[in-house]
Amino acid sequence: GNRHLHDRDGSSKGSDQMMSSLHYAVDQQKSNHVHEFGLYNIPHGNLGDTFHKYWIDWTEEKIVIGIDDIPVFTSNTPRHGYYAHGNQTGTNVWASGTRAAPFDT
């Protein structure tokens, strides 16, 4: 990664930052594609200075993604499911799954 990459506001976008995201949509071409994300800037050095443990805690209730012992991103499973939460339209291709569909397999 680029150690000196910053956005217009001066926020780091380089090798000292981890981003984790979750994307979902019935049809990626439609405008109702949902993208949720979390960012974490490590306090010292950069991600290449030492080894890190990347992890996912994936249950029917939530998806948590982290680095070392730090949660970076959490998506709680919506009460009415991701289809309704994301305002998806058309045929619900996830209808045969749990409310955590499409992340239930």
PDB file of N, CA and C in Angstrom:
ATOM      1  N   GLY A   1       0.818  -1.193   0.000  1.00  0.00           N
ATOM      2  CA  GLY A   1       0.000   0.000   0.000  1.00  0.00           C
ATOM      3  C   GLY A   1       0.852   1.242   0.000  1.00  0.00           C
ATOM      4  N   ASN A   2       0.254   2.330  -0.292  1.00  0.00           N
ATOM      5  CA  ASN A   2       0.910   3.618  -0.339  1.00  0.00           C
ATOM      6  C   ASN A   2       0.910   4.246   1.053  1.00  0.00           C
ATOM      7  N   ARG A   3       2.073   4.458   1.612  1.00  0.00           N
ATOM      8  CA  ARG A   3       2.174   5.009   2.965  1.00  0.00           C
ATOM      9  C   ARG A   3       1.762   6.472   3.044  1.00  0.00           C
ATOM     10  N   HIS A   4       1.734   7.159   1.925  1.00  0.00           N
ATOM     11  CA  HIS A   4       1.496   8.598   1.940  1.00  0.00           C
ATOM     12  C   HIS A   4       0.210   8.993   1.228  1.00  0.00           C
ATOM     13  N   LEU A   5      -0.673   8.044   0.968  1.00  0.00           N
ATOM     14  CA  LEU A   5      -1.916   8.330   0.258  1.00  0.00           C
ATOM     15  C   LEU A   5      -2.950   8.931   1.205  1.00  0.00           C
ATOM     16  N   HIS A   6      -3.449  10.110   0.861  1.00  0.00           N
ATOM     17  CA  HIS A   6      -4.459  10.803   1.664  1.00  0.00           C
ATOM     18  C   HIS A   6      -5.554  11.332   0.748  1.00  0.00           C
ATOM     19  N   ASP A   7      -6.759  11.491   1.309  1.00  0.00           N
ATOM     20  CA  ASP A   7      -7.837  12.080   0.517  1.00  0.00           C
ATOM     21  C   ASP A   7      -7.745  13.604   0.608  1.00  0.00           C
ATOM     22  N   ARG A   8      -8.694  14.292   0.005  1.00  0.00           N
ATOM     23  CA  ARG A   8      -8.662  15.762  -0.024  1.00  0.00           C
ATOM     24  C   ARG A   8      -8.706  16.396   1.362  1.00  0.00           C
ATOM     25  N   ASP A   9      -9.329  15.688   2.315  1.00  0.00           N
ATOM     26  CA  ASP A   9      -9.444  16.218   3.671  1.00  0.00           C
ATOM     27  C   ASP A   9      -8.248  15.883   4.543  1.00  0.00           C
ATOM     28  N   GLY A  10      -7.271  15.160   3.991  1.00  0.00           N
ATOM     29  CA  GLY A  10      -6.077  14.804   4.739  1.00  0.00           C
ATOM     30  C   GLY A  10      -6.156  13.473   5.464  1.00  0.00           C
ATOM     31  N   SER A  11      -7.288  12.762   5.318  1.00  0.00           N
ATOM     32  CA  SER A  11      -7.432  11.459   5.961  1.00  0.00           C
ATOM     33  C   SER A  11      -6.615  10.418   5.216  1.00  0.00           C
ATOM     34  N   SER A  12      -5.948   9.572   5.968  1.00  0.00           N
ATOM     35  CA  SER A  12      -5.107   8.548   5.362  1.00  0.00           C
ATOM     36  C   SER A  12      -5.934   7.538   4.584  1.00  0.00           C
ATOM     37  N   LYS A  13      -5.419   7.123   3.458  1.00  0.00           N
ATOM     38  CA  LYS A  13      -6.001   6.056   2.643  1.00  0.00           C
ATOM     39  C   LYS A  13      -4.898   5.082   2.248  1.00  0.00           C
ATOM     40  N   GLY A  14      -3.858   5.044   3.037  1.00  0.00           N
ATOM     41  CA  GLY A  14      -2.676   4.256   2.703  1.00  0.00           C
ATOM     42  C   GLY A  14      -2.561   2.964   3.475  1.00  0.00           C
ATOM     43  N   SER A  15      -1.343   2.512   3.642  1.00  0.00           N
ATOM     44  CA  SER A  15      -1.068   1.207   4.229  1.00  0.00           C
ATOM     45  C   SER A  15      -1.244   1.180   5.747  1.00  0.00           C
ATOM     46  N   ASP A  16      -1.684   2.292   6.332  1.00  0.00           N
ATOM     47  CA  ASP A  16      -1.982   2.294   7.764  1.00  0.00           C
ATOM     48  C   ASP A  16      -3.482   2.218   8.017  1.00  0.00           C
ATOM     49  N   GLN A  17      -4.254   1.886   6.974  1.00  0.00           N
ATOM     50  CA  GLN A  17      -5.704   1.832   7.098  1.00  0.00           C
ATOM     51  C   GLN A  17      -6.265   0.522   6.566  1.00  0.00           C
ATOM     52  N   MET A  18      -7.219  -0.040   7.293  1.00  0.00           N
ATOM     53  CA  MET A  18      -7.938  -1.224   6.844  1.00  0.00           C
ATOM     54  C   MET A  18      -9.386  -0.828   6.593  1.00  0.00           C
ATOM     55  N   MET A  19      -9.936  -1.302   5.482  1.00  0.00           N
ATOM     56  CA  MET A  19     -11.347  -1.089   5.185  1.00  0.00           C
ATOM     57  C   MET A  19     -11.994  -2.450   4.978  1.00  0.00           C
ATOM     58  N   SER A  20     -13.157  -2.628   5.549  1.00  0.00           N
ATOM     59  CA  SER A  20     -13.911  -3.854   5.375  1.00  0.00           C
ATOM     60  C   SER A  20     -15.312  -3.478   4.934  1.00  0.00           C
ATOM     61  N   SER A  21     -15.883  -4.253   4.005  1.00  0.00           N
ATOM     62  CA  SER A  21     -17.195  -3.874   3.499  1.00  0.00           C
ATOM     63  C   SER A  21     -18.074  -5.075   3.207  1.00  0.00           C
ATOM     64  N   LEU A  22     -19.360  -4.793   3.092  1.00  0.00           N
ATOM     65  CA  LEU A  22     -20.377  -5.778   2.782  1.00  0.00           C
ATOM     66  C   LEU A  22     -21.225  -5.202   1.659  1.00  0.00           C
ATOM     67  N   HIS A  23     -21.355  -5.952   0.582  1.00  0.00           N
ATOM     68  CA  HIS A  23     -22.147  -5.521  -0.568  1.00  0.00           C
ATOM     69  C   HIS A  23     -23.274  -6.520  -0.780  1.00  0.00           C
ATOM     70  N   TYR A  24     -24.461  -6.025  -1.097  1.00  0.00           N
ATOM     71  CA  TYR A  24     -25.532  -6.944  -1.460  1.00  0.00           C
ATOM     72  C   TYR A  24     -26.584  -6.249  -2.310  1.00  0.00           C
ATOM     73  N   ALA A  25     -27.155  -7.025  -3.221  1.00  0.00           N
ATOM     74  CA  ALA A  25     -28.248  -6.593  -4.086  1.00  0.00           C
ATOM     75  C   ALA A  25     -28.743  -7.808  -4.845  1.00  0.00           C
ATOM     76  N   VAL A  26     -30.005  -7.784  -5.200  1.00  0.00           N
ATOM     77  CA  VAL A  26     -30.551  -8.865  -6.025  1.00  0.00           C
ATOM     78  C   VAL A  26     -29.939  -8.777  -7.414  1.00  0.00           C
ATOM     79  N   ASP A  27     -29.755  -7.562  -7.902  1.00  0.00           N
ATOM     80  CA  ASP A  27     -29.188  -7.329  -9.228  1.00  0.00           C
ATOM     81  C   ASP A  27     -28.164  -6.202  -9.102  1.00  0.00           C
ATOM     82  N   GLN A  28     -26.898  -6.505  -9.294  1.00  0.00           N
ATOM     83  CA  GLN A  28     -25.832  -5.510  -9.134  1.00  0.00           C
ATOM     84  C   GLN A  28     -25.973  -4.312 -10.065  1.00  0.00           C
ATOM     85  N   GLN A  29     -26.737  -4.457 -11.127  1.00  0.00           N
ATOM     86  CA  GLN A  29     -26.884  -3.367 -12.090  1.00  0.00           C
ATOM     87  C   GLN A  29     -27.911  -2.336 -11.645  1.00  0.00           C
ATOM     88  N   LYS A  30     -28.743  -2.667 -10.677  1.00  0.00           N
ATOM     89  CA  LYS A  30     -29.779  -1.742 -10.217  1.00  0.00           C
ATOM     90  C   LYS A  30     -29.209  -0.739  -9.229  1.00  0.00           C
ATOM     91  N   SER A  31     -29.901   0.357  -9.060  1.00  0.00           N
ATOM     92  CA  SER A  31     -29.420   1.423  -8.190  1.00  0.00           C
ATOM     93  C   SER A  31     -29.591   1.108  -6.705  1.00  0.00           C
ATOM     94  N   ASN A  32     -30.255   0.006  -6.365  1.00  0.00           N
ATOM     95  CA  ASN A  32     -30.455  -0.307  -4.954  1.00  0.00           C
ATOM     96  C   ASN A  32     -29.397  -1.280  -4.426  1.00  0.00           C
ATOM     97  N   HIS A  33     -28.225  -1.239  -4.995  1.00  0.00           N
ATOM     98  CA  HIS A  33     -27.078  -1.994  -4.495  1.00  0.00           C
ATOM     99  C   HIS A  33     -26.666  -1.378  -3.160  1.00  0.00           C
ATOM    100  N   VAL A  34     -26.533  -2.182  -2.120  1.00  0.00           N
ATOM    101  CA  VAL A  34     -26.201  -1.682  -0.787  1.00  0.00           C
ATOM    102  C   VAL A  34     -24.726  -1.952  -0.499  1.00  0.00           C
ATOM    103  N   HIS A  35     -24.062  -0.939   0.005  1.00  0.00           N
ATOM    104  CA  HIS A  35     -22.640  -1.039   0.349  1.00  0.00           C
ATOM    105  C   HIS A  35     -22.471  -0.453   1.745  1.00  0.00           C
ATOM    106  N   GLU A  36     -22.120  -1.287   2.702  1.00  0.00           N
ATOM    107  CA  GLU A  36     -21.836  -0.853   4.061  1.00  0.00           C
ATOM    108  C   GLU A  36     -20.346  -1.086   4.305  1.00  0.00           C
ATOM    109  N   PHE A  37     -19.708  -0.205   5.059  1.00  0.00           N
ATOM    110  CA  PHE A  37     -18.276  -0.401   5.287  1.00  0.00           C
ATOM    111  C   PHE A  37     -17.828   0.173   6.618  1.00  0.00           C
ATOM    112  N   GLY A  38     -16.658  -0.265   7.046  1.00  0.00           N
ATOM    113  CA  GLY A  38     -16.009   0.253   8.233  1.00  0.00           C
ATOM    114  C   GLY A  38     -14.538   0.491   7.949  1.00  0.00           C
ATOM    115  N   LEU A  39     -13.958   1.480   8.607  1.00  0.00           N
ATOM    116  CA  LEU A  39     -12.547   1.833   8.431  1.00  0.00           C
ATOM    117  C   LEU A  39     -11.826   1.785   9.775  1.00  0.00           C
ATOM    118  N   TYR A  40     -10.554   1.433   9.716  1.00  0.00           N
ATOM    119  CA  TYR A  40      -9.730   1.448  10.918  1.00  0.00           C
ATOM    120  C   TYR A  40      -8.331   1.901  10.542  1.00  0.00           C
ATOM    121  N   ASN A  41      -7.831   2.917  11.225  1.00  0.00           N
ATOM    122  CA  ASN A  41      -6.449   3.368  11.058  1.00  0.00           C
ATOM    123  C   ASN A  41      -5.633   2.813  12.207  1.00  0.00           C
ATOM    124  N   ILE A  42      -4.573   2.056  11.873  1.00  0.00           N
ATOM    125  CA  ILE A  42      -3.757   1.502  12.957  1.00  0.00           C
ATOM    126  C   ILE A  42      -3.023   2.661  13.639  1.00  0.00           C
ATOM    127  N   PRO A  43      -2.829   2.572  14.947  1.00  0.00           N
ATOM    128  CA  PRO A  43      -2.281   3.712  15.690  1.00  0.00           C
ATOM    129  C   PRO A  43      -0.801   3.984  15.444  1.00  0.00           C
ATOM    130  N   HIS A  44      -0.029   2.948  15.084  1.00  0.00           N
ATOM    131  CA  HIS A  44       1.416   3.132  14.899  1.00  0.00           C
ATOM    132  C   HIS A  44       1.876   2.339  13.681  1.00  0.00           C
ATOM    133  N   GLY A  45       2.737   2.917  12.873  1.00  0.00           N
ATOM    134  CA  GLY A  45       3.306   2.209  11.735  1.00  0.00           C
ATOM    135  C   GLY A  45       2.296   1.978  10.626  1.00  0.00           C
ATOM    136  N   ASN A  46       2.481   0.845   9.920  1.00  0.00           N
ATOM    137  CA  ASN A  46       1.551   0.504   8.852  1.00  0.00           C
ATOM    138  C   ASN A  46       1.282  -0.996   8.876  1.00  0.00           C
ATOM    139  N   LEU A  47       0.339  -1.433   8.088  1.00  0.00           N
ATOM    140  CA  LEU A  47      -0.086  -2.833   8.106  1.00  0.00           C
ATOM    141  C   LEU A  47       1.007  -3.804   7.668  1.00  0.00           C
ATOM    142  N   GLY A  48       2.031  -3.310   7.006  1.00  0.00           N
ATOM    143  CA  GLY A  48       3.113  -4.167   6.555  1.00  0.00           C
ATOM    144  C   GLY A  48       4.248  -4.315   7.549  1.00  0.00           C
ATOM    145  N   ASP A  49       4.199  -3.605   8.658  1.00  0.00           N
ATOM    146  CA  ASP A  49       5.286  -3.655   9.631  1.00  0.00           C
ATOM    147  C   ASP A  49       5.352  -4.972  10.404  1.00  0.00           C
ATOM    148  N   THR A  50       4.213  -5.621  10.572  1.00  0.00           N
ATOM    149  CA  THR A  50       4.159  -6.859  11.355  1.00  0.00           C
ATOM    150  C   THR A  50       2.964  -7.686  10.885  1.00  0.00           C
ATOM    151  N   PHE A  51       2.870  -8.918  11.380  1.00  0.00           N
ATOM    152  CA  PHE A  51       1.738  -9.767  11.030  1.00  0.00           C
ATOM    153  C   PHE A  51       0.502  -9.329  11.805  1.00  0.00           C
ATOM    154  N   HIS A  52      -0.660  -9.510  11.179  1.00  0.00           N
ATOM    155  CA  HIS A  52      -1.932  -9.186  11.809  1.00  0.00           C
ATOM    156  C   HIS A  52      -2.884 -10.352  11.636  1.00  0.00           C
ATOM    157  N   LYS A  53      -3.819 -10.455  12.555  1.00  0.00           N
ATOM    158  CA  LYS A  53      -4.844 -11.481  12.485  1.00  0.00           C
ATOM    159  C   LYS A  53      -6.128 -10.825  11.975  1.00  0.00           C
ATOM    160  N   TYR A  54      -6.575 -11.229  10.786  1.00  0.00           N
ATOM    161  CA  TYR A  54      -7.830 -10.749  10.219  1.00  0.00           C
ATOM    162  C   TYR A  54      -8.890 -11.804  10.508  1.00  0.00           C
ATOM    163  N   TRP A  55     -10.087 -11.399  10.942  1.00  0.00           N
ATOM    164  CA  TRP A  55     -11.084 -12.377  11.359  1.00  0.00           C
ATOM    165  C   TRP A  55     -12.505 -11.952  10.992  1.00  0.00           C
ATOM    166  N   ILE A  56     -13.372 -12.962  10.941  1.00  0.00           N
ATOM    167  CA  ILE A  56     -14.802 -12.755  10.701  1.00  0.00           C
ATOM    168  C   ILE A  56     -15.573 -13.557  11.739  1.00  0.00           C
ATOM    169  N   ASP A  57     -16.508 -12.899  12.405  1.00  0.00           N
ATOM    170  CA  ASP A  57     -17.461 -13.562  13.291  1.00  0.00           C
ATOM    171  C   ASP A  57     -18.801 -13.481  12.570  1.00  0.00           C
ATOM    172  N   TRP A  58     -19.220 -14.590  11.994  1.00  0.00           N
ATOM    173  CA  TRP A  58     -20.367 -14.623  11.093  1.00  0.00           C
ATOM    174  C   TRP A  58     -21.433 -15.524  11.680  1.00  0.00           C
ATOM    175  N   THR A  59     -22.528 -14.926  12.156  1.00  0.00           N
ATOM    176  CA  THR A  59     -23.647 -15.680  12.718  1.00  0.00           C
ATOM    177  C   THR A  59     -24.927 -15.220  12.039  1.00  0.00           C
ATOM    178  N   GLU A  60     -26.029 -15.847  12.377  1.00  0.00           N
ATOM    179  CA  GLU A  60     -27.308 -15.417  11.810  1.00  0.00           C
ATOM    180  C   GLU A  60     -27.697 -14.030  12.310  1.00  0.00           C
ATOM    181  N   GLU A  61     -27.176 -13.619  13.451  1.00  0.00           N
ATOM    182  CA  GLU A  61     -27.532 -12.330  14.050  1.00  0.00           C
ATOM    183  C   GLU A  61     -26.698 -11.156  13.557  1.00  0.00           C
ATOM    184  N   LYS A  62     -25.453 -11.436  13.116  1.00  0.00           N
ATOM    185  CA  LYS A  62     -24.577 -10.335  12.720  1.00  0.00           C
ATOM    186  C   LYS A  62     -23.348 -10.863  11.990  1.00  0.00           C
ATOM    187  N   ILE A  63     -22.679  -9.943  11.302  1.00  0.00           N
ATOM    188  CA  ILE A  63     -21.379 -10.207  10.693  1.00  0.00           C
ATOM    189  C   ILE A  63     -20.433  -9.140  11.243  1.00  0.00           C
ATOM    190  N   VAL A  64     -19.350  -9.587  11.878  1.00  0.00           N
ATOM    191  CA  VAL A  64     -18.345  -8.672  12.414  1.00  0.00           C
ATOM    192  C   VAL A  64     -17.013  -9.037  11.761  1.00  0.00           C
ATOM    193  N   ILE A  65     -16.302  -8.031  11.246  1.00  0.00           N
ATOM    194  CA  ILE A  65     -15.012  -8.242  10.604  1.00  0.00           C
ATOM    195  C   ILE A  65     -13.993  -7.374  11.338  1.00  0.00           C
ATOM    196  N   GLY A  66     -12.814  -7.946  11.624  1.00  0.00           N
ATOM    197  CA  GLY A  66     -11.855  -7.187  12.393  1.00  0.00           C
ATOM    198  C   GLY A  66     -10.414  -7.516  12.084  1.00  0.00           C
ATOM    199  N   ILE A  67      -9.557  -6.791  12.770  1.00  0.00           N
ATOM    200  CA  ILE A  67      -8.119  -6.990  12.684  1.00  0.00           C
ATOM    201  C   ILE A  67      -7.580  -7.087  14.111  1.00  0.00           C
ATOM    202  N   ASP A  68      -6.719  -8.068  14.319  1.00  0.00           N
ATOM    203  CA  ASP A  68      -6.193  -8.339  15.656  1.00  0.00           C
ATOM    204  C   ASP A  68      -7.392  -8.508  16.605  1.00  0.00           C
ATOM    205  N   ASP A  69      -7.520  -7.742  17.655  1.00  0.00           N
ATOM    206  CA  ASP A  69      -8.672  -7.877  18.558  1.00  0.00           C
ATOM    207  C   ASP A  69      -9.659  -6.726  18.395  1.00  0.00           C
ATOM    208  N   ILE A  70      -9.592  -6.025  17.266  1.00  0.00           N
ATOM    209  CA  ILE A  70     -10.400  -4.819  17.073  1.00  0.00           C
ATOM    210  C   ILE A  70     -11.463  -5.041  16.002  1.00  0.00           C
ATOM    211  N   PRO A  71     -12.746  -4.935  16.360  1.00  0.00           N
ATOM    212  CA  PRO A  71     -13.803  -5.003  15.345  1.00  0.00           C
ATOM    213  C   PRO A  71     -13.736  -3.746  14.469  1.00  0.00           C
ATOM    214  N   VAL A  72     -13.718  -3.930  13.162  1.00  0.00           N
ATOM    215  CA  VAL A  72     -13.645  -2.816  12.222  1.00  0.00           C
ATOM    216  C   VAL A  72     -15.017  -2.530  11.622  1.00  0.00           C
ATOM    217  N   PHE A  73     -15.790  -3.574  11.416  1.00  0.00           N
ATOM    218  CA  PHE A  73     -17.094  -3.427  10.757  1.00  0.00           C
ATOM    219  C   PHE A  73     -18.086  -4.410  11.373  1.00  0.00           C
ATOM    220  N   THR A  74     -19.284  -3.927  11.675  1.00  0.00           N
ATOM    221  CA  THR A  74     -20.359  -4.787  12.170  1.00  0.00           C
ATOM    222  C   THR A  74     -21.615  -4.510  11.369  1.00  0.00           C
ATOM    223  N   SER A  75     -22.245  -5.579  10.888  1.00  0.00           N
ATOM    224  CA  SER A  75     -23.547  -5.474  10.245  1.00  0.00           C
ATOM    225  C   SER A  75     -24.498  -6.398  11.002  1.00  0.00           C
ATOM    226  N   ASN A  76     -25.401  -5.792  11.772  1.00  0.00           N
ATOM    227  CA  ASN A  76     -26.416  -6.576  12.455  1.00  0.00           C
ATOM    228  C   ASN A  76     -27.465  -6.996  11.435  1.00  0.00           C
ATOM    229  N   THR A  77     -27.861  -8.255  11.477  1.00  0.00           N
ATOM    230  CA  THR A  77     -28.854  -8.744  10.531  1.00  0.00           C
ATOM    231  C   THR A  77     -30.156  -7.977  10.735  1.00  0.00           C
ATOM    232  N   PRO A  78     -30.670  -7.338   9.680  1.00  0.00           N
ATOM    233  CA  PRO A  78     -31.910  -6.579   9.810  1.00  0.00           C
ATOM    234  C   PRO A  78     -33.072  -7.474  10.256  1.00  0.00           C
ATOM    235  N   ARG A  79     -33.950  -6.941  11.087  1.00  0.00           N
ATOM    236  CA  ARG A  79     -35.070  -7.707  11.637  1.00  0.00           C
ATOM    237  C   ARG A  79     -35.930  -8.324  10.549  1.00  0.00           C
ATOM    238  N   HIS A  80     -36.136  -7.600   9.458  1.00  0.00           N
ATOM    239  CA  HIS A  80     -36.971  -8.099   8.359  1.00  0.00           C
ATOM    240  C   HIS A  80     -36.139  -8.646   7.203  1.00  0.00           C
ATOM    241  N   GLY A  81     -34.837  -8.817   7.408  1.00  0.00           N
ATOM    242  CA  GLY A  81     -33.955  -9.389   6.405  1.00  0.00           C
ATOM    243  C   GLY A  81     -33.310  -8.341   5.509  1.00  0.00           C
ATOM    244  N   TYR A  82     -32.288  -8.794   4.803  1.00  0.00           N
ATOM    245  CA  TYR A  82     -31.530  -7.885   3.940  1.00  0.00           C
ATOM    246  C   TYR A  82     -32.327  -7.439   2.712  1.00  0.00           C
ATOM    247  N   TYR A  83     -33.227  -8.289   2.232  1.00  0.00           N
ATOM    248  CA  TYR A  83     -34.017  -7.922   1.049  1.00  0.00           C
ATOM    249  C   TYR A  83     -34.850  -6.671   1.343  1.00  0.00           C
ATOM    250  N   ALA A  84     -35.600  -6.697   2.438  1.00  0.00           N
ATOM    251  CA  ALA A  84     -36.431  -5.543   2.804  1.00  0.00           C
ATOM    252  C   ALA A  84     -35.562  -4.361   3.228  1.00  0.00           C
ATOM    253  N   HIS A  85     -34.524  -4.620   3.996  1.00  0.00           N
ATOM    254  CA  HIS A  85     -33.645  -3.553   4.492  1.00  0.00           C
ATOM    255  C   HIS A  85     -32.986  -2.783   3.339  1.00  0.00           C
ATOM    256  N   GLY A  86     -32.630  -3.502   2.290  1.00  0.00           N
ATOM    257  CA  GLY A  86     -31.974  -2.871   1.153  1.00  0.00           C
ATOM    258  C   GLY A  86     -32.938  -2.325   0.114  1.00  0.00           C
ATOM    259  N   ASN A  87     -34.242  -2.340   0.423  1.00  0.00           N
ATOM    260  CA  ASN A  87     -35.264  -1.849  -0.521  1.00  0.00           C
ATOM    261  C   ASN A  87     -35.123  -2.500  -1.885  1.00  0.00           C
ATOM    262  N   GLN A  88     -34.874  -3.806  -1.879  1.00  0.00           N
ATOM    263  CA  GLN A  88     -34.736  -4.547  -3.132  1.00  0.00           C
ATOM    264  C   GLN A  88     -36.098  -4.636  -3.816  1.00  0.00           C
ATOM    265  N   THR A  89     -36.087  -4.743  -5.120  1.00  0.00           N
ATOM    266  CA  THR A  89     -37.328  -4.834  -5.892  1.00  0.00           C
ATOM    267  C   THR A  89     -37.301  -6.099  -6.739  1.00  0.00           C
ATOM    268  N   GLY A  90     -38.466  -6.472  -7.243  1.00  0.00           N
ATOM    269  CA  GLY A  90     -38.549  -7.659  -8.075  1.00  0.00           C
ATOM    270  C   GLY A  90     -38.671  -8.910  -7.232  1.00  0.00           C
ATOM    271  N   THR A  91     -38.403 -10.034  -7.848  1.00  0.00           N
ATOM    272  CA  THR A  91     -38.517 -11.321  -7.180  1.00  0.00           C
ATOM    273  C   THR A  91     -37.456 -11.445  -6.092  1.00  0.00           C
ATOM    274  N   ASN A  92     -37.889 -11.838  -4.906  1.00  0.00           N
ATOM    275  CA  ASN A  92     -36.952 -12.043  -3.801  1.00  0.00           C
ATOM    276  C   ASN A  92     -36.304 -13.408  -3.972  1.00  0.00           C
ATOM    277  N   VAL A  93     -35.137 -13.429  -4.578  1.00  0.00           N
ATOM    278  CA  VAL A  93     -34.430 -14.692  -4.829  1.00  0.00           C
ATOM    279  C   VAL A  93     -33.879 -15.290  -3.537  1.00  0.00           C
ATOM    280  N   TRP A  94     -33.957 -14.560  -2.447  1.00  0.00           N
ATOM    281  CA  TRP A  94     -33.471 -15.034  -1.159  1.00  0.00           C
ATOM    282  C   TRP A  94     -34.620 -15.531  -0.267  1.00  0.00           C
ATOM    283  N   ALA A  95     -35.840 -15.562  -0.786  1.00  0.00           N
ATOM    284  CA  ALA A  95     -37.031 -15.872   0.012  1.00  0.00           C
ATOM    285  C   ALA A  95     -36.970 -17.236   0.687  1.00  0.00           C
ATOM    286  N   SER A  96     -36.286 -18.192   0.114  1.00  0.00           N
ATOM    287  CA  SER A  96     -36.236 -19.530   0.708  1.00  0.00           C
ATOM    288  C   SER A  96     -35.200 -19.623   1.834  1.00  0.00           C
ATOM    289  N   GLY A  97     -34.432 -18.573   2.030  1.00  0.00           N
ATOM    290  CA  GLY A  97     -33.419 -18.589   3.086  1.00  0.00           C
ATOM    291  C   GLY A  97     -33.947 -18.005   4.383  1.00  0.00           C
ATOM    292  N   THR A  98     -33.050 -17.837   5.336  1.00  0.00           N
ATOM    293  CA  THR A  98     -33.396 -17.218   6.621  1.00  0.00           C
ATOM    294  C   THR A  98     -33.416 -15.704   6.445  1.00  0.00           C
ATOM    295  N   ARG A  99     -33.703 -14.994   7.525  1.00  0.00           N
ATOM    296  CA  ARG A  99     -33.686 -13.522   7.419  1.00  0.00           C
ATOM    297  C   ARG A  99     -32.271 -13.015   7.153  1.00  0.00           C
ATOM    298  N   ALA A 100     -31.258 -13.854   7.367  1.00  0.00           N
ATOM    299  CA  ALA A 100     -29.871 -13.466   7.118  1.00  0.00           C
ATOM    300  C   ALA A 100     -29.467 -13.666   5.655  1.00  0.00           C
ATOM    301  N   ALA A 101     -30.373 -14.176   4.824  1.00  0.00           N
ATOM    302  CA  ALA A 101     -30.057 -14.380   3.408  1.00  0.00           C
ATOM    303  C   ALA A 101     -29.739 -13.049   2.748  1.00  0.00           C
ATOM    304  N   PRO A 102     -28.744 -12.988   1.905  1.00  0.00           N
ATOM    305  CA  PRO A 102     -27.976 -14.037   1.258  1.00  0.00           C
ATOM    306  C   PRO A 102     -26.728 -14.482   2.015  1.00  0.00           C
ATOM    307  N   PHE A 103     -26.602 -14.056   3.270  1.00  0.00           N
ATOM    308  CA  PHE A 103     -25.407 -14.378   4.066  1.00  0.00           C
ATOM    309  C   PHE A 103     -25.670 -15.517   5.039  1.00  0.00           C
ATOM    310  N   ASP A 104     -26.557 -16.446   4.676  1.00  0.00           N
ATOM    311  CA  ASP A 104     -26.950 -17.508   5.595  1.00  0.00           C
ATOM    312  C   ASP A 104     -26.440 -18.887   5.198  1.00  0.00           C
ATOM    313  N   THR A 105     -25.551 -18.966   4.252  1.00  0.00           N
ATOM    314  CA  THR A 105     -25.059 -20.289   3.846  1.00  0.00           C
ATOM    315  C   THR A 105     -23.659 -20.534   4.334  1.00  0.00           C
TER     316      THR A 105
END
